[in-house]
Amino acid sequence: MCGIVAFKGDKNKTSDVIFDGLKLLEYRGYDSCGIGVIHENEIKTFKWKGRVRKTEKRFKKTKIKPSIAIGHTRWATHGEPNDINAHPIKSFNGEFAVV
């Protein structure tokens, strides 16, 4: 299972909307959490094993203010809970990310 939240809008609200939504969906997955954003015309992913608050705290330290983002919580039904298996997952060429 998982929880997915996406937002496009005011860059000063994006991360709050994503993380508030992920906290509401955390019951659907609490093994890992991640956020994907477009920053300086590049997809950046920030994802870690652990709960939403851990990812939120680490992401907010970056000071990135994206206008578009997608967030994901994961309950590991296949593959162990770890940073590598956390979503979003970027394509090899970095042109897209999936959750």
PDB file of N, CA and C in Angstrom:
ATOM      1  N   MET A   1       0.837  -1.179   0.000  1.00  0.00           N
ATOM      2  CA  MET A   1       0.000   0.000   0.000  1.00  0.00           C
ATOM      3  C   MET A   1       0.878   1.235   0.000  1.00  0.00           C
ATOM      4  N   CYS A   2       0.238   2.347  -0.330  1.00  0.00           N
ATOM      5  CA  CYS A   2       0.974   3.604  -0.352  1.00  0.00           C
ATOM      6  C   CYS A   2      -0.006   4.767  -0.257  1.00  0.00           C
ATOM      7  N   GLY A   3       0.541   5.937  -0.083  1.00  0.00           N
ATOM      8  CA  GLY A   3      -0.221   7.175  -0.144  1.00  0.00           C
ATOM      9  C   GLY A   3       0.484   8.113  -1.101  1.00  0.00           C
ATOM     10  N   ILE A   4      -0.272   8.773  -1.964  1.00  0.00           N
ATOM     11  CA  ILE A   4       0.309   9.660  -2.974  1.00  0.00           C
ATOM     12  C   ILE A   4      -0.379  11.017  -2.915  1.00  0.00           C
ATOM     13  N   VAL A   5       0.419  12.079  -2.955  1.00  0.00           N
ATOM     14  CA  VAL A   5      -0.085  13.450  -2.976  1.00  0.00           C
ATOM     15  C   VAL A   5       0.707  14.222  -4.023  1.00  0.00           C
ATOM     16  N   ALA A   6       0.010  15.043  -4.806  1.00  0.00           N
ATOM     17  CA  ALA A   6       0.691  15.901  -5.782  1.00  0.00           C
ATOM     18  C   ALA A   6       0.125  17.311  -5.678  1.00  0.00           C
ATOM     19  N   PHE A   7       0.945  18.290  -6.054  1.00  0.00           N
ATOM     20  CA  PHE A   7       0.507  19.686  -5.985  1.00  0.00           C
ATOM     21  C   PHE A   7       1.273  20.508  -7.001  1.00  0.00           C
ATOM     22  N   LYS A   8       0.553  21.425  -7.637  1.00  0.00           N
ATOM     23  CA  LYS A   8       1.164  22.426  -8.512  1.00  0.00           C
ATOM     24  C   LYS A   8       0.536  23.751  -8.135  1.00  0.00           C
ATOM     25  N   GLY A   9       1.356  24.717  -7.774  1.00  0.00           N
ATOM     26  CA  GLY A   9       0.811  25.998  -7.351  1.00  0.00           C
ATOM     27  C   GLY A   9       1.870  26.892  -6.741  1.00  0.00           C
ATOM     28  N   ASP A  10       1.443  27.672  -5.776  1.00  0.00           N
ATOM     29  CA  ASP A  10       2.299  28.646  -5.096  1.00  0.00           C
ATOM     30  C   ASP A  10       3.511  27.959  -4.471  1.00  0.00           C
ATOM     31  N   LYS A  11       4.705  28.362  -4.873  1.00  0.00           N
ATOM     32  CA  LYS A  11       5.932  27.728  -4.383  1.00  0.00           C
ATOM     33  C   LYS A  11       6.120  27.877  -2.877  1.00  0.00           C
ATOM     34  N   ASN A  12       5.455  28.850  -2.271  1.00  0.00           N
ATOM     35  CA  ASN A  12       5.561  29.026  -0.823  1.00  0.00           C
ATOM     36  C   ASN A  12       4.650  28.076  -0.057  1.00  0.00           C
ATOM     37  N   LYS A  13       3.764  27.371  -0.771  1.00  0.00           N
ATOM     38  CA  LYS A  13       2.828  26.450  -0.124  1.00  0.00           C
ATOM     39  C   LYS A  13       3.085  24.988  -0.474  1.00  0.00           C
ATOM     40  N   THR A  14       3.833  24.741  -1.533  1.00  0.00           N
ATOM     41  CA  THR A  14       3.947  23.387  -2.080  1.00  0.00           C
ATOM     42  C   THR A  14       4.395  22.351  -1.063  1.00  0.00           C
ATOM     43  N   SER A  15       5.509  22.563  -0.411  1.00  0.00           N
ATOM     44  CA  SER A  15       6.007  21.527   0.504  1.00  0.00           C
ATOM     45  C   SER A  15       5.059  21.321   1.682  1.00  0.00           C
ATOM     46  N   ASP A  16       4.426  22.383   2.170  1.00  0.00           N
ATOM     47  CA  ASP A  16       3.461  22.222   3.263  1.00  0.00           C
ATOM     48  C   ASP A  16       2.264  21.387   2.815  1.00  0.00           C
ATOM     49  N   VAL A  17       1.749  21.655   1.612  1.00  0.00           N
ATOM     50  CA  VAL A  17       0.611  20.883   1.091  1.00  0.00           C
ATOM     51  C   VAL A  17       0.999  19.409   0.957  1.00  0.00           C
ATOM     52  N   ILE A  18       2.165  19.147   0.384  1.00  0.00           N
ATOM     53  CA  ILE A  18       2.611  17.764   0.188  1.00  0.00           C
ATOM     54  C   ILE A  18       2.774  17.049   1.526  1.00  0.00           C
ATOM     55  N   PHE A  19       3.496  17.638   2.451  1.00  0.00           N
ATOM     56  CA  PHE A  19       3.753  16.945   3.711  1.00  0.00           C
ATOM     57  C   PHE A  19       2.511  16.861   4.596  1.00  0.00           C
ATOM     58  N   ASP A  20       1.638  17.864   4.565  1.00  0.00           N
ATOM     59  CA  ASP A  20       0.371  17.757   5.301  1.00  0.00           C
ATOM     60  C   ASP A  20      -0.460  16.606   4.746  1.00  0.00           C
ATOM     61  N   GLY A  21      -0.499  16.488   3.422  1.00  0.00           N
ATOM     62  CA  GLY A  21      -1.232  15.390   2.793  1.00  0.00           C
ATOM     63  C   GLY A  21      -0.627  14.036   3.123  1.00  0.00           C
ATOM     64  N   LEU A  22       0.693  13.947   3.087  1.00  0.00           N
ATOM     65  CA  LEU A  22       1.351  12.676   3.403  1.00  0.00           C
ATOM     66  C   LEU A  22       1.121  12.262   4.854  1.00  0.00           C
ATOM     67  N   LYS A  23       1.072  13.226   5.749  1.00  0.00           N
ATOM     68  CA  LYS A  23       0.797  12.896   7.155  1.00  0.00           C
ATOM     69  C   LYS A  23      -0.598  12.298   7.302  1.00  0.00           C
ATOM     70  N   LEU A  24      -1.566  12.818   6.534  1.00  0.00           N
ATOM     71  CA  LEU A  24      -2.926  12.274   6.576  1.00  0.00           C
ATOM     72  C   LEU A  24      -2.988  10.870   5.976  1.00  0.00           C
ATOM     73  N   LEU A  25      -2.084  10.567   5.062  1.00  0.00           N
ATOM     74  CA  LEU A  25      -2.069   9.264   4.391  1.00  0.00           C
ATOM     75  C   LEU A  25      -1.047   8.296   4.976  1.00  0.00           C
ATOM     76  N   GLU A  26      -0.378   8.690   6.032  1.00  0.00           N
ATOM     77  CA  GLU A  26       0.708   7.864   6.557  1.00  0.00           C
ATOM     78  C   GLU A  26       0.231   6.481   7.001  1.00  0.00           C
ATOM     79  N   TYR A  27      -1.026   6.338   7.383  1.00  0.00           N
ATOM     80  CA  TYR A  27      -1.546   5.031   7.769  1.00  0.00           C
ATOM     81  C   TYR A  27      -1.490   4.045   6.599  1.00  0.00           C
ATOM     82  N   ARG A  28      -1.368   4.548   5.366  1.00  0.00           N
ATOM     83  CA  ARG A  28      -1.288   3.700   4.172  1.00  0.00           C
ATOM     84  C   ARG A  28       0.143   3.249   3.884  1.00  0.00           C
ATOM     85  N   GLY A  29       1.085   3.817   4.595  1.00  0.00           N
ATOM     86  CA  GLY A  29       2.477   3.430   4.404  1.00  0.00           C
ATOM     87  C   GLY A  29       3.373   4.253   5.296  1.00  0.00           C
ATOM     88  N   TYR A  30       4.162   3.578   6.121  1.00  0.00           N
ATOM     89  CA  TYR A  30       5.020   4.296   7.064  1.00  0.00           C
ATOM     90  C   TYR A  30       6.446   3.753   7.072  1.00  0.00           C
ATOM     91  N   ASP A  31       6.765   2.876   6.114  1.00  0.00           N
ATOM     92  CA  ASP A  31       8.122   2.326   6.050  1.00  0.00           C
ATOM     93  C   ASP A  31       9.116   3.304   5.443  1.00  0.00           C
ATOM     94  N   SER A  32       8.651   4.095   4.474  1.00  0.00           N
ATOM     95  CA  SER A  32       9.523   5.090   3.843  1.00  0.00           C
ATOM     96  C   SER A  32       8.664   6.199   3.259  1.00  0.00           C
ATOM     97  N   CYS A  33       9.321   7.302   2.940  1.00  0.00           N
ATOM     98  CA  CYS A  33       8.612   8.475   2.438  1.00  0.00           C
ATOM     99  C   CYS A  33       9.542   9.240   1.508  1.00  0.00           C
ATOM    100  N   GLY A  34       8.960   9.858   0.491  1.00  0.00           N
ATOM    101  CA  GLY A  34       9.775  10.649  -0.418  1.00  0.00           C
ATOM    102  C   GLY A  34       8.984  11.745  -1.090  1.00  0.00           C
ATOM    103  N   ILE A  35       9.714  12.696  -1.640  1.00  0.00           N
ATOM    104  CA  ILE A  35       9.114  13.797  -2.385  1.00  0.00           C
ATOM    105  C   ILE A  35       9.964  14.020  -3.636  1.00  0.00           C
ATOM    106  N   GLY A  36       9.289  14.251  -4.744  1.00  0.00           N
ATOM    107  CA  GLY A  36       9.961  14.602  -5.991  1.00  0.00           C
ATOM    108  C   GLY A  36       9.533  15.995  -6.395  1.00  0.00           C
ATOM    109  N   VAL A  37      10.481  16.815  -6.805  1.00  0.00           N
ATOM    110  CA  VAL A  37      10.192  18.206  -7.170  1.00  0.00           C
ATOM    111  C   VAL A  37      10.926  18.557  -8.460  1.00  0.00           C
ATOM    112  N   ILE A  38      10.440  19.587  -9.113  1.00  0.00           N
ATOM    113  CA  ILE A  38      11.191  20.161 -10.221  1.00  0.00           C
ATOM    114  C   ILE A  38      11.864  21.411  -9.677  1.00  0.00           C
ATOM    115  N   HIS A  39      13.195  21.412  -9.747  1.00  0.00           N
ATOM    116  CA  HIS A  39      13.995  22.521  -9.224  1.00  0.00           C
ATOM    117  C   HIS A  39      15.067  22.853 -10.249  1.00  0.00           C
ATOM    118  N   GLU A  40      15.076  24.098 -10.690  1.00  0.00           N
ATOM    119  CA  GLU A  40      16.029  24.556 -11.707  1.00  0.00           C
ATOM    120  C   GLU A  40      15.990  23.650 -12.940  1.00  0.00           C
ATOM    121  N   ASN A  41      14.747  23.365 -13.399  1.00  0.00           N
ATOM    122  CA  ASN A  41      14.481  22.554 -14.598  1.00  0.00           C
ATOM    123  C   ASN A  41      15.007  21.126 -14.514  1.00  0.00           C
ATOM    124  N   GLU A  42      15.132  20.613 -13.317  1.00  0.00           N
ATOM    125  CA  GLU A  42      15.607  19.242 -13.124  1.00  0.00           C
ATOM    126  C   GLU A  42      14.760  18.564 -12.058  1.00  0.00           C
ATOM    127  N   ILE A  43      14.480  17.278 -12.258  1.00  0.00           N
ATOM    128  CA  ILE A  43      13.752  16.516 -11.246  1.00  0.00           C
ATOM    129  C   ILE A  43      14.727  16.146 -10.131  1.00  0.00           C
ATOM    130  N   LYS A  44      14.345  16.487  -8.909  1.00  0.00           N
ATOM    131  CA  LYS A  44      15.136  16.145  -7.723  1.00  0.00           C
ATOM    132  C   LYS A  44      14.260  15.267  -6.833  1.00  0.00           C
ATOM    133  N   THR A  45      14.828  14.212  -6.285  1.00  0.00           N
ATOM    134  CA  THR A  45      14.086  13.366  -5.356  1.00  0.00           C
ATOM    135  C   THR A  45      14.781  13.369  -3.999  1.00  0.00           C
ATOM    136  N   PHE A  46      13.965  13.328  -2.974  1.00  0.00           N
ATOM    137  CA  PHE A  46      14.432  13.302  -1.589  1.00  0.00           C
ATOM    138  C   PHE A  46      13.627  12.204  -0.911  1.00  0.00           C
ATOM    139  N   LYS A  47      14.269  11.119  -0.528  1.00  0.00           N
ATOM    140  CA  LYS A  47      13.533   9.966  -0.022  1.00  0.00           C
ATOM    141  C   LYS A  47      14.376   9.189   0.981  1.00  0.00           C
ATOM    142  N   TRP A  48      13.700   8.726   2.023  1.00  0.00           N
ATOM    143  CA  TRP A  48      14.393   7.999   3.076  1.00  0.00           C
ATOM    144  C   TRP A  48      13.493   6.954   3.702  1.00  0.00           C
ATOM    145  N   LYS A  49      14.125   5.942   4.244  1.00  0.00           N
ATOM    146  CA  LYS A  49      13.426   4.983   5.085  1.00  0.00           C
ATOM    147  C   LYS A  49      12.964   5.736   6.325  1.00  0.00           C
ATOM    148  N   GLY A  50      11.745   5.498   6.738  1.00  0.00           N
ATOM    149  CA  GLY A  50      11.237   6.146   7.940  1.00  0.00           C
ATOM    150  C   GLY A  50       9.961   6.913   7.677  1.00  0.00           C
ATOM    151  N   ARG A  51       9.517   7.587   8.675  1.00  0.00           N
ATOM    152  CA  ARG A  51       8.222   8.252   8.644  1.00  0.00           C
ATOM    153  C   ARG A  51       8.279   9.602   7.940  1.00  0.00           C
ATOM    154  N   VAL A  52       7.085  10.161   7.708  1.00  0.00           N
ATOM    155  CA  VAL A  52       6.940  11.418   6.965  1.00  0.00           C
ATOM    156  C   VAL A  52       7.726  12.542   7.627  1.00  0.00           C
ATOM    157  N   ARG A  53       7.640  12.671   8.924  1.00  0.00           N
ATOM    158  CA  ARG A  53       8.311  13.788   9.614  1.00  0.00           C
ATOM    159  C   ARG A  53       9.823  13.795   9.366  1.00  0.00           C
ATOM    160  N   LYS A  54      10.430  12.628   9.252  1.00  0.00           N
ATOM    161  CA  LYS A  54      11.872  12.539   8.981  1.00  0.00           C
ATOM    162  C   LYS A  54      12.188  13.136   7.610  1.00  0.00           C
ATOM    163  N   THR A  55      11.414  12.754   6.608  1.00  0.00           N
ATOM    164  CA  THR A  55      11.633  13.282   5.258  1.00  0.00           C
ATOM    165  C   THR A  55      11.334  14.770   5.211  1.00  0.00           C
ATOM    166  N   GLU A  56      10.256  15.193   5.864  1.00  0.00           N
ATOM    167  CA  GLU A  56       9.902  16.616   5.881  1.00  0.00           C
ATOM    168  C   GLU A  56      11.035  17.445   6.489  1.00  0.00           C
ATOM    169  N   LYS A  57      11.556  17.004   7.602  1.00  0.00           N
ATOM    170  CA  LYS A  57      12.631  17.740   8.280  1.00  0.00           C
ATOM    171  C   LYS A  57      13.862  17.859   7.377  1.00  0.00           C
ATOM    172  N   ARG A  58      14.232  16.765   6.746  1.00  0.00           N
ATOM    173  CA  ARG A  58      15.410  16.783   5.867  1.00  0.00           C
ATOM    174  C   ARG A  58      15.173  17.631   4.620  1.00  0.00           C
ATOM    175  N   PHE A  59      13.973  17.522   4.030  1.00  0.00           N
ATOM    176  CA  PHE A  59      13.688  18.300   2.824  1.00  0.00           C
ATOM    177  C   PHE A  59      13.702  19.796   3.127  1.00  0.00           C
ATOM    178  N   LYS A  60      13.088  20.193   4.221  1.00  0.00           N
ATOM    179  CA  LYS A  60      12.998  21.625   4.531  1.00  0.00           C
ATOM    180  C   LYS A  60      14.372  22.248   4.783  1.00  0.00           C
ATOM    181  N   LYS A  61      15.348  21.452   5.164  1.00  0.00           N
ATOM    182  CA  LYS A  61      16.715  21.967   5.325  1.00  0.00           C
ATOM    183  C   LYS A  61      17.323  22.386   3.990  1.00  0.00           C
ATOM    184  N   THR A  62      16.806  21.865   2.876  1.00  0.00           N
ATOM    185  CA  THR A  62      17.353  22.209   1.554  1.00  0.00           C
ATOM    186  C   THR A  62      16.977  23.624   1.137  1.00  0.00           C
ATOM    187  N   LYS A  63      15.924  24.182   1.726  1.00  0.00           N
ATOM    188  CA  LYS A  63      15.416  25.523   1.402  1.00  0.00           C
ATOM    189  C   LYS A  63      14.847  25.612  -0.021  1.00  0.00           C
ATOM    190  N   ILE A  64      14.640  24.468  -0.688  1.00  0.00           N
ATOM    191  CA  ILE A  64      14.045  24.461  -2.030  1.00  0.00           C
ATOM    192  C   ILE A  64      12.570  24.811  -1.918  1.00  0.00           C
ATOM    193  N   LYS A  65      12.091  25.676  -2.800  1.00  0.00           N
ATOM    194  CA  LYS A  65      10.688  26.108  -2.837  1.00  0.00           C
ATOM    195  C   LYS A  65      10.115  25.759  -4.216  1.00  0.00           C
ATOM    196  N   PRO A  66       9.709  24.504  -4.426  1.00  0.00           N
ATOM    197  CA  PRO A  66       9.208  24.110  -5.740  1.00  0.00           C
ATOM    198  C   PRO A  66       7.774  24.578  -5.969  1.00  0.00           C
ATOM    199  N   SER A  67       7.397  24.741  -7.218  1.00  0.00           N
ATOM    200  CA  SER A  67       6.002  25.058  -7.533  1.00  0.00           C
ATOM    201  C   SER A  67       5.246  23.799  -7.951  1.00  0.00           C
ATOM    202  N   ILE A  68       5.960  22.684  -8.092  1.00  0.00           N
ATOM    203  CA  ILE A  68       5.332  21.407  -8.427  1.00  0.00           C
ATOM    204  C   ILE A  68       6.061  20.295  -7.685  1.00  0.00           C
ATOM    205  N   ALA A  69       5.274  19.361  -7.119  1.00  0.00           N
ATOM    206  CA  ALA A  69       5.875  18.269  -6.350  1.00  0.00           C
ATOM    207  C   ALA A  69       4.919  17.090  -6.281  1.00  0.00           C
ATOM    208  N   ILE A  70       5.492  15.928  -6.029  1.00  0.00           N
ATOM    209  CA  ILE A  70       4.711  14.724  -5.758  1.00  0.00           C
ATOM    210  C   ILE A  70       5.341  14.041  -4.555  1.00  0.00           C
ATOM    211  N   GLY A  71       4.488  13.547  -3.668  1.00  0.00           N
ATOM    212  CA  GLY A  71       4.965  12.878  -2.466  1.00  0.00           C
ATOM    213  C   GLY A  71       4.412  11.472  -2.379  1.00  0.00           C
ATOM    214  N   HIS A  72       5.111  10.601  -1.658  1.00  0.00           N
ATOM    215  CA  HIS A  72       4.735   9.194  -1.593  1.00  0.00           C
ATOM    216  C   HIS A  72       5.129   8.610  -0.245  1.00  0.00           C
ATOM    217  N   THR A  73       4.225   7.841   0.348  1.00  0.00           N
ATOM    218  CA  THR A  73       4.556   7.031   1.513  1.00  0.00           C
ATOM    219  C   THR A  73       4.470   5.577   1.082  1.00  0.00           C
ATOM    220  N   ARG A  74       5.307   4.733   1.665  1.00  0.00           N
ATOM    221  CA  ARG A  74       5.377   3.338   1.226  1.00  0.00           C
ATOM    222  C   ARG A  74       5.268   2.387   2.401  1.00  0.00           C
ATOM    223  N   TRP A  75       4.440   1.386   2.200  1.00  0.00           N
ATOM    224  CA  TRP A  75       4.406   0.239   3.093  1.00  0.00           C
ATOM    225  C   TRP A  75       5.016  -0.898   2.293  1.00  0.00           C
ATOM    226  N   ALA A  76       6.110  -1.439   2.739  1.00  0.00           N
ATOM    227  CA  ALA A  76       6.890  -2.405   1.961  1.00  0.00           C
ATOM    228  C   ALA A  76       6.186  -3.759   1.885  1.00  0.00           C
ATOM    229  N   THR A  77       5.478  -3.985   0.784  1.00  0.00           N
ATOM    230  CA  THR A  77       4.871  -5.291   0.534  1.00  0.00           C
ATOM    231  C   THR A  77       5.782  -6.147  -0.338  1.00  0.00           C
ATOM    232  N   HIS A  78       6.719  -5.514  -1.028  1.00  0.00           N
ATOM    233  CA  HIS A  78       7.694  -6.217  -1.869  1.00  0.00           C
ATOM    234  C   HIS A  78       9.007  -5.440  -1.788  1.00  0.00           C
ATOM    235  N   GLY A  79      10.061  -6.100  -1.420  1.00  0.00           N
ATOM    236  CA  GLY A  79      11.338  -5.404  -1.238  1.00  0.00           C
ATOM    237  C   GLY A  79      11.400  -4.798   0.151  1.00  0.00           C
ATOM    238  N   GLU A  80      12.580  -4.784   0.702  1.00  0.00           N
ATOM    239  CA  GLU A  80      12.731  -4.307   2.078  1.00  0.00           C
ATOM    240  C   GLU A  80      12.599  -2.788   2.181  1.00  0.00           C
ATOM    241  N   PRO A  81      12.222  -2.304   3.354  1.00  0.00           N
ATOM    242  CA  PRO A  81      12.182  -0.855   3.564  1.00  0.00           C
ATOM    243  C   PRO A  81      13.609  -0.302   3.630  1.00  0.00           C
ATOM    244  N   ASN A  82      13.964   0.528   2.679  1.00  0.00           N
ATOM    245  CA  ASN A  82      15.269   1.191   2.686  1.00  0.00           C
ATOM    246  C   ASN A  82      15.203   2.420   1.787  1.00  0.00           C
ATOM    247  N   ASP A  83      16.254   3.214   1.800  1.00  0.00           N
ATOM    248  CA  ASP A  83      16.274   4.448   1.006  1.00  0.00           C
ATOM    249  C   ASP A  83      16.149   4.165  -0.490  1.00  0.00           C
ATOM    250  N   ILE A  84      16.772   3.104  -0.964  1.00  0.00           N
ATOM    251  CA  ILE A  84      16.757   2.796  -2.398  1.00  0.00           C
ATOM    252  C   ILE A  84      15.351   2.449  -2.879  1.00  0.00           C
ATOM    253  N   ASN A  85      14.603   1.684  -2.088  1.00  0.00           N
ATOM    254  CA  ASN A  85      13.260   1.270  -2.491  1.00  0.00           C
ATOM    255  C   ASN A  85      12.200   2.342  -2.252  1.00  0.00           C
ATOM    256  N   ALA A  86      12.549   3.411  -1.569  1.00  0.00           N
ATOM    257  CA  ALA A  86      11.595   4.508  -1.340  1.00  0.00           C
ATOM    258  C   ALA A  86      11.282   5.194  -2.670  1.00  0.00           C
ATOM    259  N   HIS A  87      10.104   5.779  -2.758  1.00  0.00           N
ATOM    260  CA  HIS A  87       9.672   6.483  -3.979  1.00  0.00           C
ATOM    261  C   HIS A  87       9.695   7.977  -3.721  1.00  0.00           C
ATOM    262  N   PRO A  88       9.718   8.802  -4.708  1.00  0.00           N
ATOM    263  CA  PRO A  88       9.702   8.572  -6.145  1.00  0.00           C
ATOM    264  C   PRO A  88      11.009   7.955  -6.647  1.00  0.00           C
ATOM    265  N   ILE A  89      10.869   7.247  -7.752  1.00  0.00           N
ATOM    266  CA  ILE A  89      12.015   6.643  -8.414  1.00  0.00           C
ATOM    267  C   ILE A  89      12.202   7.355  -9.746  1.00  0.00           C
ATOM    268  N   LYS A  90      13.417   7.844  -9.976  1.00  0.00           N
ATOM    269  CA  LYS A  90      13.722   8.572 -11.221  1.00  0.00           C
ATOM    270  C   LYS A  90      14.183   7.611 -12.303  1.00  0.00           C
ATOM    271  N   SER A  91      13.849   7.957 -13.547  1.00  0.00           N
ATOM    272  CA  SER A  91      14.352   7.196 -14.688  1.00  0.00           C
ATOM    273  C   SER A  91      15.870   7.357 -14.766  1.00  0.00           C
ATOM    274  N   PHE A  92      16.534   6.444 -15.460  1.00  0.00           N
ATOM    275  CA  PHE A  92      17.991   6.505 -15.577  1.00  0.00           C
ATOM    276  C   PHE A  92      18.467   7.811 -16.196  1.00  0.00           C
ATOM    277  N   ASN A  93      17.686   8.339 -17.151  1.00  0.00           N
ATOM    278  CA  ASN A  93      18.095   9.590 -17.805  1.00  0.00           C
ATOM    279  C   ASN A  93      17.595  10.827 -17.063  1.00  0.00           C
ATOM    280  N   GLY A  94      16.847  10.637 -15.975  1.00  0.00           N
ATOM    281  CA  GLY A  94      16.385  11.751 -15.163  1.00  0.00           C
ATOM    282  C   GLY A  94      15.254  12.565 -15.763  1.00  0.00           C
ATOM    283  N   GLU A  95      14.623  12.048 -16.830  1.00  0.00           N
ATOM    284  CA  GLU A  95      13.565  12.805 -17.500  1.00  0.00           C
ATOM    285  C   GLU A  95      12.195  12.652 -16.854  1.00  0.00           C
ATOM    286  N   PHE A  96      11.997  11.611 -16.036  1.00  0.00           N
ATOM    287  CA  PHE A  96      10.721  11.455 -15.352  1.00  0.00           C
ATOM    288  C   PHE A  96      10.920  10.685 -14.051  1.00  0.00           C
ATOM    289  N   ALA A  97       9.921  10.796 -13.190  1.00  0.00           N
ATOM    290  CA  ALA A  97       9.918  10.071 -11.924  1.00  0.00           C
ATOM    291  C   ALA A  97       8.551   9.425 -11.756  1.00  0.00           C
ATOM    292  N   VAL A  98       8.519   8.288 -11.092  1.00  0.00           N
ATOM    293  CA  VAL A  98       7.262   7.582 -10.849  1.00  0.00           C
ATOM    294  C   VAL A  98       7.117   7.301  -9.358  1.00  0.00           C
ATOM    295  N   VAL A  99       5.862   7.157  -8.944  1.00  0.00           N
ATOM    296  CA  VAL A  99       5.556   6.729  -7.580  1.00  0.00           C
ATOM    297  C   VAL A  99       4.645   5.519  -7.652  1.00  0.00           C
TER     298      VAL A  99
END
